[in-house]
Amino acid sequence: MFVRRFFSRNAAWQMTVAGVLMAATVIAYLAWRDAPLPSALEGQMLAWRFQTRGAIPPPPQVAVIAIDDASITAYKRWPLPRSVLADAVSRLTEAGANAIGLDLLLLDEEAATAPAHPGMGQPNTGDQDLAEALAKAPVVLPLAFTFEPGGEMDEDMVRLVRRAALSVVHHGSVKTQMAGATGTLAPIAPLREQVNLGHVNVLADQDGVLRQIHLALPVGGRYIPAFPLELTRLFHALPKEKMALLLDRGLLLNGRLVPTDAQLRLPLLYYGPPKTIPTYSLVDLVNDRIPRQRLAGRAVLIGATAVGAGDTFVTPFSLSLPGVEALATVTANLISGQILQHGTTVLLWDITLIVGFGLAAFAIGHLPSPFAAAGGFVVLSLLLFIVAQLAFQYSLVWLNLSFALLSILLNTSFVALSRIVQERRGRRDMERQKSNLSRYHSPMIADLLAHGMPETAGRRQLAAIMFIDLADFTARCETMAPEVAADFLRAFHGRVERVVLAHGGMLDQFLGDGAMVIFGIRGAAPQDPVTALACGRRLLDDISDWSRQLETQGQPPLVVRVGIHYGPVVISRLGGSSQMHFSAAGDTVNVAARLESIGRSPTSTISISSALAAAVQAQGRHDLLQGFTELPPQPIRGRSEKLSVWTLQHANAA
């Protein structure tokens, strides 16, 4: 049934619309996946994946030397004396660090009169000491670029850019928010001559979370490597020729492709909260309290973590990760090869999610039960999150959930709207069908037919059957024109119909000047005998009122005979293969028909069986039997046994 419904002609246009919705979602993904709103939403869902995964051990090749509160307290000043920094660099070199990143913007010369250490009066030679230490170590110093409108690069900046730039092996266009640098924040000349340089321009997303870093930054027609990238190159002792940009794909690093997006951005694969990467205090380094094996063979970054001494970033694990630890995270990603795949590198996977889950949502929406469909949408959404989490956690793939969820939402909304429209249209068709059927059938039968014909096998049950007959109708019609006779019958049938329907009975059929009524067509109920007798009494009252109106017009009085019996029947479809009707069959029907003809009197009469009277008494409605007379057992035509009968002679007006 579900398969036929899904592939029905009605569903063909729905599948076409669903295809258009999915195609539109794919186009929107390609055009706007980096727009602010989708990026912020996707970034939040990435944060959930990090939090679901939890903290993990970082690669062992990276460590941080923190200029923390204890270090600033020990030297009683910020920034720290450069002779102290020189000492730290020298100790890291002696400990066997593969590469050292000094994450400090050393923009100005240190005052010559400033003491190197508290309490010491000799002139400070910190810049010279630091320059000598840097010359002996594999060190990276930071560059920062400014983007003030109308500025121009000076010659010194041009030389720095040319010296630090990466080679490009495949040209293309790079669109980034940080393009067109006009100024440089660079270390002073004595410190930058013998070291490597990398940019530290880090741009958080619009919601303030740091998720990606530019591996290279376009400046003056060249591309400057990021600080962590240059540190990684030194760690592996690679010449610059072993590192080159493929502007449409990413970065070649020692023959290995590091994929980036179109803006040359690399997603950060965070390992955990602050200090997840091994972090040691600078004062402990200078005082030789760190075992050398913890630093040997590693890339070590020196940077500020003290409160107010450096920049901090919001991450999935922290509201204030020190900038040096963010750079250390990128360095660890690059050195270990743990690269989070995103953007163009997983483009086909993202499109597959959009189309696949959109189709699944469309199919689920056609489940027969709306509740099953709603549950299916919830399960489908959960499955999407599970797939994305597994891809992230075990394959380091950042799948785009935002547009896949949009595809599910669009198809879900479309199918739900289609179902509402179809159901409303179906209800209108059913009401129209019921209205047409009700002109020729009882409303109960019309309702049953509109909802699908019941089974032909039949249902055995108790029911109250009532027959109604208008006495002497043949003689009355003798003097009537056919049109007048038809109008009279319609008026009589209308009164019968109103009374029967008001009491919940089913008009089985009109029999010329009579009718057959069933009480309990939808299923037996103890009140069926009560409603049948109440209906019969009310009908006699109504016909009596009408009779008085006719007598004032000079017509003879009306006499109605009613017979009611209560007993077992079979509710079933009767008739042939092409013409049939829904009715009751059995001896109870025959007896009710005979009871109607028992009371032959000049006034209207109700004749009921003792079975019906007993059932009414059992329901405590003795009031309905007032005025009835219990007759001696009466012979019933066609039956061998006599039947106890109760009759009521209605007081018609003379």
Foldseek 3Di string as FASTA:
>chain_A
DLVCLCPDPVNPVVVVVLVVLLVVLLVCCVVDCVPQPNVVVLQVLVLVLDVVLAFDFFDLFEEEAAQAPVVCVQQVDPPAQLLLVLLLLQLLVVLAFLEEEEADLQQDDDDQQDDNGPPDGHTRPNLVSNLVSQLSGQYEYEKEFAADPPAAADPVRVVLCVVQFAAAPADDDADDPQAETRGMRHHDDSRPPRYHYAYLDFDPRPVFAGWKGQQWYYYPNTTGGHSLVSRLCSLVVHDSVQWHARQCFEIRHNNDGQGDANNNIFTFDDRAAECSRPYHYSVCSSVVNDDSVSSHSHYYYYDYDYVPNAAFGDYSHDRGHGSSVSSSRVNSCVNVVLGQADHPRCSVVQSCLSVVLLVQLLSLLSDPDNVSSVVSLVVSLVVLSVVQSCCCNPVSYRHSPPSSVVSSVVSNVSSVVVVVVVVVVLVVVLVVQLVVVVVPFWSVQSNCVSVPPDDFPWDKDKKKKKKKAWPPLVVVCPPPDPVVSVVVQVVLVVLLNVLQVVLPWTFQDADSRMTMIIFALVHDDLCRLVSVLVSVVVSQVVLLVVQVVVVVVVDHGIAMFMFMEIDMWIFHWDDDDPDIGTDTDDVRNVQSVQQSPPDDDPHYKYKYFVRSVVSCVVVVPVVSCPQKDWDDFADGPPDPDTTTMIMHGDDHDD
